[in-house]
């Protein structure tokens, strides 16, 4: 690109996104102070005073904003900037490191799609155990209308995207490269499908290849975009744990799935649970209770209340009620060995405490049809 005019704040943000690396807090702080147009002018004049100023000047001089917008349109993408109505305001929680703009491929509205979302991340060298958990839980998340956000990588990321798409759900892939140069290339078909049925986004301009640092800055974007981060599998030192750390820095909940103590790929999850505020997630209900609206996924009454609080006779009668269907009081008398009066009294207490209810076919566990 050859340099072109910058017409407004949006144009300045697009130009700067081509000139600086994602997540540069120094330039971000200057933009917050002076505005993007003023930063562009000062950078062109050599008045910014950062070590990389000369290389930033060269890159800025090559940017043609109108051509950048046209190039995005040519590949079916759009550029979403901080002033756009589609901008997800939760990204502003990143402060000076928030993205300048985001390139997006896909018809879905980024802001609306991300309102009810969760990051699902994990090891590239995932085990069969981790992939099975990921597939099952992402299918459940899709059924509950949650958007699953991940990074398109091998292992858990790919399993999360595929399971969500297979369940008819919405998924967002956040790339560390330009949206027209997805990585890994082996996932070209998967990422193209995500673009067709969900969203593919990046804060790196078109044509940009991945770099090691961009994976880390990408991870903070995944953490900021979502309500919570679920770590399915992770080694003790991995990019996955950097996503969890970014989420915790933003006061977003982090959930970690425990695994076999012999599995290296569960070591990072165990460390998160042991050493941080990460929550242990042993079932999908643990996740839903954290990310749902207030009371949306409250556990059934019999799960919320401890059976330890029941008397031995009440617990025995509760245990005699089948997991599915109903049972009559006469059968309960036979199965429990208590008198009809004792059974009736215990059932009344169990119903008041939310463990059971009475239907046309007899007594059943509360919440059972």
Protein backbone atom coordinates (compact mmCIF):
# COMPACT_ATOMS: atom_id res chain seq x y z
CA UNK A 1 0.00 0.00 0.00
CA UNK A 2 1.12 3.57 -0.56
CA UNK A 3 0.27 6.23 1.94
CA UNK A 4 -3.16 7.80 1.65
CA UNK A 5 -5.18 10.42 3.48
CA UNK A 6 -6.62 9.77 6.94
CA UNK A 7 -10.07 11.29 7.05
CA UNK A 8 -11.23 10.74 10.64
CA UNK A 9 -10.75 8.83 13.89
CA UNK A 10 -11.87 5.56 12.30
CA UNK A 11 -9.35 5.97 9.52
CA UNK A 12 -6.61 6.76 12.03
CA UNK A 13 -7.41 3.62 14.04
CA UNK A 14 -7.25 1.49 10.89
CA UNK A 15 -3.95 3.09 9.89
CA UNK A 16 -2.40 2.57 13.32
CA UNK A 17 -3.56 -1.06 13.36
CA UNK A 18 -1.28 -1.58 10.35
CA UNK A 19 1.63 0.27 11.98
CA UNK A 20 1.83 -1.23 15.48
CA UNK A 21 1.69 -4.70 16.98
CA UNK A 22 -1.58 -5.77 18.66
CA UNK A 23 -1.80 -5.00 22.36
CA UNK A 24 0.83 -2.22 22.42
CA UNK A 25 -0.07 -0.49 25.69
CA UNK A 26 2.23 2.48 25.07
CA UNK A 27 0.50 3.54 21.86
CA UNK A 28 -2.87 2.58 23.32
CA UNK A 29 -2.34 4.96 26.24
CA UNK A 30 -1.39 7.75 23.86
CA UNK A 31 -4.53 7.14 21.80
CA UNK A 32 -6.62 7.34 24.97
CA UNK A 33 -4.95 10.69 25.77
CA UNK A 34 -4.71 12.38 22.38
CA UNK A 35 -7.01 10.40 20.07
CA UNK A 36 -5.92 8.26 17.13
CA UNK A 37 -5.71 11.14 14.61
CA UNK A 38 -3.33 13.08 16.82
CA UNK A 39 -1.19 10.00 17.43
CA UNK A 40 -0.91 9.47 13.67
CA UNK A 41 0.21 13.04 13.16
CA UNK A 42 2.78 12.87 15.94
CA UNK A 43 4.06 9.51 14.77
CA UNK A 44 4.55 10.85 11.25
CA UNK A 45 6.42 13.81 12.74
CA UNK A 46 8.64 11.56 14.83
CA UNK A 47 7.25 12.87 18.12
CA UNK A 48 6.14 9.65 19.80
CA UNK A 49 9.44 8.72 21.43
CA UNK A 50 9.32 4.92 21.44
CA UNK A 51 12.22 2.71 20.34
CA UNK A 52 10.32 1.30 17.35
CA UNK A 53 9.23 4.76 16.14
CA UNK A 54 11.14 4.66 12.85
CA UNK A 55 9.72 1.26 11.81
CA UNK A 56 6.24 2.41 12.86
CA UNK A 57 6.68 5.52 10.70
CA UNK A 58 7.62 3.40 7.68
CA UNK A 59 4.61 1.12 8.11
CA UNK A 60 2.26 4.06 8.68
CA UNK A 61 3.52 5.79 5.53
CA UNK A 62 2.59 2.71 3.49
CA UNK A 63 -1.01 2.54 4.69
CA UNK A 64 -3.84 3.58 2.40
CA UNK A 65 -6.97 3.42 4.55
CA UNK A 66 -9.40 3.44 1.64
CA UNK A 67 -7.48 0.59 0.02
CA UNK A 68 -7.47 -1.34 3.31
CA UNK A 69 -11.25 -1.07 3.56
CA UNK A 70 -11.64 -2.08 -0.08
CA UNK A 71 -9.36 -5.08 0.44
CA UNK A 72 -11.45 -6.20 3.39
CA UNK A 73 -14.61 -5.95 1.33
CA UNK A 74 -12.96 -7.90 -1.48
CA UNK A 75 -12.47 -10.95 0.78
CA UNK A 76 -15.90 -10.59 2.39
CA UNK A 77 -14.61 -9.04 5.62
CA UNK A 78 -15.47 -5.86 7.45
CA UNK A 79 -13.44 -3.68 9.79
CA UNK A 80 -15.05 -2.97 13.16
CA UNK A 81 -13.57 -0.06 15.08
CA UNK A 82 -14.13 1.28 18.59
CA UNK A 83 -16.72 3.78 17.39
CA UNK A 84 -18.76 1.15 15.53
CA UNK A 85 -22.13 -0.05 16.90
CA UNK A 86 -20.93 -3.62 16.38
CA UNK A 87 -17.96 -3.09 18.71
CA UNK A 88 -18.12 -5.41 21.78
CA UNK A 89 -17.72 -2.98 24.65
CA UNK A 90 -16.32 -5.69 26.93
CA UNK A 91 -13.09 -5.38 24.95
CA UNK A 92 -12.69 -1.93 26.49
CA UNK A 93 -11.91 -3.69 29.79
CA UNK A 94 -8.46 -4.31 28.32
CA UNK A 95 -7.72 -0.61 28.79
CA UNK A 96 -4.67 0.59 26.89
CA UNK A 97 -4.16 -2.84 25.32
CA UNK A 98 -7.63 -3.09 23.77
CA UNK A 99 -7.68 -3.64 20.01
CA UNK A 100 -7.73 -0.64 17.73
CA UNK A 101 -9.96 -2.38 15.20
CA UNK A 102 -11.11 -5.93 14.49
CA UNK A 103 -11.40 -7.60 11.09
CA UNK A 104 -14.43 -9.90 10.93
CA UNK A 105 -15.51 -12.60 8.47
CA UNK A 106 -19.09 -13.80 8.81
CA UNK A 107 -22.62 -12.44 8.75
CA UNK A 108 -23.27 -12.55 12.53
CA UNK A 109 -23.12 -9.36 14.58
CA UNK A 110 -19.98 -9.54 16.74
CA UNK A 111 -21.33 -7.48 19.63
CA UNK A 112 -24.60 -9.38 19.90
CA UNK A 113 -23.00 -12.78 19.35
CA UNK A 114 -20.41 -12.20 22.07
CA UNK A 115 -22.91 -11.05 24.70
CA UNK A 116 -23.62 -14.66 25.68
CA UNK A 117 -20.30 -16.37 25.13
CA UNK A 118 -17.68 -18.54 26.77
CA UNK A 119 -14.07 -19.23 25.83
CA UNK A 120 -13.27 -22.92 25.52
CA UNK A 121 -9.52 -23.49 25.27
CA UNK A 122 -7.02 -26.24 25.82
CA UNK A 123 -4.01 -28.22 24.75
CA UNK A 124 -3.05 -28.65 21.12
CA UNK A 125 -1.84 -32.17 21.94
CA UNK A 126 -5.19 -33.01 23.49
CA UNK A 127 -5.97 -36.49 24.75
CA UNK A 128 -9.01 -38.56 23.82
CA UNK A 129 -10.38 -37.78 27.30
CA UNK A 130 -10.06 -34.02 26.79
CA UNK A 131 -11.57 -34.05 23.31
CA UNK A 132 -14.52 -36.16 24.49
CA UNK A 133 -15.25 -33.74 27.37
CA UNK A 134 -14.90 -30.79 24.99
CA UNK A 135 -17.28 -32.24 22.40
CA UNK A 136 -19.95 -33.17 24.93
CA UNK A 137 -19.84 -29.90 26.81
CA UNK A 138 -19.72 -27.66 23.73
CA UNK A 139 -22.77 -29.45 22.37
CA UNK A 140 -24.56 -28.66 25.65
CA UNK A 141 -23.41 -25.04 25.52
CA UNK A 142 -24.76 -24.76 21.98
CA UNK A 143 -28.10 -26.21 23.06
CA UNK A 144 -28.28 -23.50 25.73
CA UNK A 145 -27.56 -20.80 23.11
CA UNK A 146 -24.06 -19.92 24.28
CA UNK A 147 -21.48 -18.81 21.73
CA UNK A 148 -18.27 -20.84 22.00
CA UNK A 149 -15.11 -18.79 21.40
CA UNK A 150 -11.74 -20.39 20.69
CA UNK A 151 -8.58 -19.97 18.65
CA UNK A 152 -8.88 -22.43 15.78
CA UNK A 153 -5.77 -24.39 16.82
CA UNK A 154 -5.25 -28.14 16.88
CA UNK A 155 -6.65 -30.19 19.75
CA UNK A 156 -9.21 -28.66 22.10
CA UNK A 157 -9.77 -25.49 20.03
CA UNK A 158 -10.74 -27.43 16.92
CA UNK A 159 -12.87 -29.88 18.92
CA UNK A 160 -14.74 -26.95 20.48
CA UNK A 161 -15.48 -25.33 17.12
CA UNK A 162 -16.51 -28.58 15.44
CA UNK A 163 -18.78 -29.76 18.25
CA UNK A 164 -20.53 -26.39 18.41
CA UNK A 165 -21.11 -26.30 14.66
CA UNK A 166 -22.35 -29.91 14.67
CA UNK A 167 -24.88 -28.98 17.36
CA UNK A 168 -26.11 -26.05 15.28
CA UNK A 169 -24.56 -23.51 17.63
CA UNK A 170 -22.64 -20.26 17.17
CA UNK A 171 -18.86 -20.18 17.39
CA UNK A 172 -16.23 -17.45 17.01
CA UNK A 173 -12.66 -18.21 15.93
CA UNK A 174 -10.11 -15.60 17.04
CA UNK A 175 -7.00 -15.77 14.88
CA UNK A 176 -3.44 -14.62 15.58
CA UNK A 177 -3.04 -13.92 11.85
CA UNK A 178 -5.06 -11.98 9.32
CA UNK A 179 -8.52 -13.41 8.64
CA UNK A 180 -7.43 -14.10 5.05
CA UNK A 181 -4.33 -16.07 6.14
CA UNK A 182 -5.70 -18.48 8.75
CA UNK A 183 -3.38 -20.63 10.84
CA UNK A 184 -2.92 -23.57 10.96
CA UNK A 185 -3.36 -24.08 7.24
CA UNK A 186 -4.60 -27.62 7.86
CA UNK A 187 -7.72 -26.00 9.33
CA UNK A 188 -8.55 -23.93 6.24
CA UNK A 189 -11.78 -25.87 5.68
CA UNK A 190 -12.81 -25.65 9.33
CA UNK A 191 -12.15 -21.91 9.53
CA UNK A 192 -13.99 -21.36 6.25
CA UNK A 193 -16.98 -23.20 7.70
CA UNK A 194 -16.82 -21.05 10.83
CA UNK A 195 -16.83 -17.95 8.63
CA UNK A 196 -19.94 -19.29 6.84
CA UNK A 197 -21.86 -20.25 9.99
CA UNK A 198 -20.28 -18.12 12.72
CA UNK A 199 -17.51 -15.53 12.87
CA UNK A 200 -13.76 -15.41 12.26
CA UNK A 201 -12.07 -12.35 13.72
CA UNK A 202 -8.59 -10.91 14.18
CA UNK A 203 -6.99 -7.64 15.22
CA UNK A 204 -4.14 -8.25 12.75
CA UNK A 205 -4.53 -6.72 9.28
CA UNK A 206 -5.12 -8.78 6.15
CA UNK A 207 -2.09 -10.69 4.94
CA UNK A 208 -0.42 -10.84 8.36
CA UNK A 209 1.17 -14.15 9.30
CA UNK A 210 1.30 -15.53 12.83
CA UNK A 211 4.13 -14.66 15.20
CA UNK A 212 4.83 -16.08 18.63
CA UNK A 213 3.87 -12.85 20.40
CA UNK A 214 0.61 -12.60 18.47
CA UNK A 215 -0.62 -15.87 19.97
CA UNK A 216 -0.28 -14.34 23.44
CA UNK A 217 -1.97 -11.07 22.49
CA UNK A 218 -4.70 -13.06 20.75
CA UNK A 219 -5.32 -14.97 23.98
CA UNK A 220 -6.14 -11.78 25.90
CA UNK A 221 -8.71 -10.99 23.20
CA UNK A 222 -10.40 -14.37 23.70
CA UNK A 223 -10.50 -13.80 27.46
CA UNK A 224 -11.91 -10.28 27.19
CA UNK A 225 -14.57 -11.11 24.63
CA UNK A 226 -16.26 -13.77 26.77
CA UNK A 227 -18.10 -14.12 30.08
CA UNK A 228 -15.79 -16.84 31.34
CA UNK A 229 -12.96 -19.11 30.24
CA UNK A 230 -13.17 -22.91 30.39
CA UNK A 231 -9.81 -24.72 30.31
CA UNK A 232 -10.39 -28.33 29.27
CA UNK A 233 -6.78 -29.52 29.18
CA UNK A 234 -3.46 -27.71 29.52
CA UNK A 235 0.16 -28.43 30.27
CA UNK A 236 1.63 -26.57 33.23
CA UNK A 237 3.33 -24.05 30.95
CA UNK A 238 1.26 -23.31 27.90
CA UNK A 239 -0.49 -20.63 25.92
CA UNK A 240 -3.76 -21.96 27.28
CA UNK A 241 -2.85 -20.94 30.81
CA UNK A 242 -2.03 -17.46 29.48
CA UNK A 243 -5.65 -17.17 28.37
CA UNK A 244 -6.77 -18.19 31.86
CA UNK A 245 -4.42 -15.65 33.44
CA UNK A 246 -5.72 -12.91 31.15
CA UNK A 247 -9.30 -13.77 32.12
CA UNK A 248 -8.47 -13.66 35.83
CA UNK A 249 -6.74 -10.30 35.37
CA UNK A 250 -10.05 -9.03 33.95
CA UNK A 251 -11.99 -10.55 36.87
CA UNK A 252 -13.65 -13.02 34.51
CA UNK A 253 -14.39 -16.49 35.96
CA UNK A 254 -12.05 -19.29 34.98
CA UNK A 255 -13.11 -22.93 35.16
CA UNK A 256 -10.73 -25.87 34.82
CA UNK A 257 -11.56 -29.49 34.10
CA UNK A 258 -9.69 -32.01 36.28
CA UNK A 259 -8.13 -35.04 34.67
CA UNK A 260 -6.00 -38.06 35.50
CA UNK A 261 -3.11 -37.20 37.83
CA UNK A 262 -0.85 -39.12 35.45
CA UNK A 263 -1.76 -36.92 32.47
CA UNK A 264 0.67 -34.14 31.57
CA UNK A 265 -2.17 -32.49 29.64
CA UNK A 266 -4.17 -32.06 32.85
CA UNK A 267 -1.26 -30.66 34.86
CA UNK A 268 -2.08 -27.06 33.94
CA UNK A 269 -5.72 -27.48 34.96
CA UNK A 270 -4.72 -28.97 38.31
CA UNK A 271 -2.28 -26.12 38.91
CA UNK A 272 -4.96 -23.53 38.10
CA UNK A 273 -7.35 -25.16 40.58
CA UNK A 274 -4.68 -25.50 43.26
CA UNK A 275 -2.88 -22.16 42.96
CA UNK A 276 -5.46 -19.68 41.63
CA UNK A 277 -9.10 -18.75 41.93
CA UNK A 278 -10.03 -21.09 39.07
CA UNK A 279 -13.17 -23.12 39.73
CA UNK A 280 -13.21 -26.89 39.39
CA UNK A 281 -15.61 -27.98 36.64
CA UNK A 282 -16.44 -31.67 36.89
CA UNK A 283 -19.72 -31.47 34.94
CA UNK A 284 -21.32 -29.11 32.45
CA UNK A 285 -23.75 -27.89 35.13
CA UNK A 286 -20.79 -26.35 36.95
CA UNK A 287 -20.11 -24.25 33.87
CA UNK A 288 -23.71 -23.28 33.20
CA UNK A 289 -24.23 -22.10 36.78
CA UNK A 290 -21.28 -19.69 36.39
CA UNK A 291 -22.04 -18.25 32.96
CA UNK A 292 -25.85 -18.21 33.01
CA UNK A 293 -28.03 -15.28 33.96
CA UNK A 294 -28.93 -15.04 37.64
CA UNK A 295 -30.86 -18.18 38.53
CA UNK A 296 -31.05 -19.37 34.92
CA UNK A 297 -29.31 -22.66 35.59
CA UNK A 298 -29.98 -23.15 39.27
CA UNK A 299 -29.59 -26.81 40.13
CA UNK A 300 -32.78 -28.76 40.89
CA UNK A 301 -33.82 -28.56 44.52
CA UNK A 302 -32.76 -32.11 45.32
CA UNK A 303 -29.25 -31.29 44.02
CA UNK A 304 -28.99 -27.97 45.88
CA UNK A 305 -29.89 -29.44 49.27
CA UNK A 306 -27.58 -31.83 51.00
CA UNK A 307 -28.88 -35.33 51.67
CA UNK A 308 -26.70 -35.23 54.78
CA UNK A 309 -29.34 -32.97 56.35
CA UNK A 310 -32.01 -35.67 56.12
CA UNK A 311 -32.83 -38.14 58.86
CA UNK A 312 -31.93 -41.78 58.11
CA UNK A 313 -35.58 -42.66 57.46
CA UNK A 314 -36.09 -39.68 55.16
CA UNK A 315 -32.92 -40.52 53.21
CA UNK A 316 -34.00 -44.15 52.89
CA UNK A 317 -37.43 -43.21 51.57
CA UNK A 318 -35.89 -40.69 49.15
CA UNK A 319 -33.54 -43.40 47.91
CA UNK A 320 -36.54 -45.66 47.20
CA UNK A 321 -38.03 -43.14 44.74
CA UNK A 322 -36.94 -44.09 41.20
CA UNK A 323 -34.74 -41.76 39.14
CA UNK A 324 -37.35 -41.88 36.38
CA UNK A 325 -41.10 -42.22 36.66
CA UNK A 326 -43.21 -42.34 39.81
CA UNK A 327 -43.92 -44.72 42.66
CA UNK A 328 -47.04 -45.17 44.78
CA UNK A 329 -47.04 -44.88 48.55
CA UNK A 330 -47.86 -48.57 49.01
CA UNK A 331 -44.79 -49.58 47.03
CA UNK A 332 -42.69 -47.12 49.04
CA UNK A 333 -43.90 -48.78 52.25
CA UNK A 334 -42.81 -52.17 50.89
CA UNK A 335 -39.46 -50.93 49.50
CA UNK A 336 -38.48 -48.86 52.53
CA UNK A 337 -39.75 -51.17 55.26
CA UNK A 338 -41.37 -48.29 57.15
CA UNK A 339 -45.01 -47.94 58.13
CA UNK A 340 -47.47 -46.04 55.97
CA UNK A 341 -47.59 -43.27 58.59
CA UNK A 342 -43.79 -42.94 58.64
CA UNK A 343 -43.60 -42.89 54.87
CA UNK A 344 -46.35 -40.27 54.58
CA UNK A 345 -44.68 -38.05 57.16
CA UNK A 346 -41.27 -38.34 55.48
CA UNK A 347 -42.76 -37.59 52.05
CA UNK A 348 -44.37 -34.44 53.39
CA UNK A 349 -41.00 -33.24 54.71
CA UNK A 350 -39.21 -34.18 51.47
CA UNK A 351 -41.79 -32.29 49.43
CA UNK A 352 -41.55 -29.18 51.63
CA UNK A 353 -37.77 -29.22 51.28
CA UNK A 354 -37.95 -29.55 47.51
CA UNK A 355 -36.72 -33.12 47.09
CA UNK A 356 -39.96 -34.65 45.84
CA UNK A 357 -43.37 -33.80 44.48
CA UNK A 358 -46.59 -35.73 43.95
CA UNK A 359 -48.08 -36.37 40.54
CA UNK A 360 -50.95 -38.39 39.08
CA UNK A 361 -48.83 -41.55 39.07
CA UNK A 362 -47.53 -41.19 42.60
CA UNK A 363 -44.37 -39.71 44.09
CA UNK A 364 -41.39 -38.64 41.98
CA UNK A 365 -38.17 -36.70 42.33
CA UNK A 366 -38.77 -32.96 42.03
CA UNK A 367 -38.42 -31.69 38.50
CA UNK A 368 -39.11 -35.06 36.89
CA UNK A 369 -41.85 -35.13 34.30
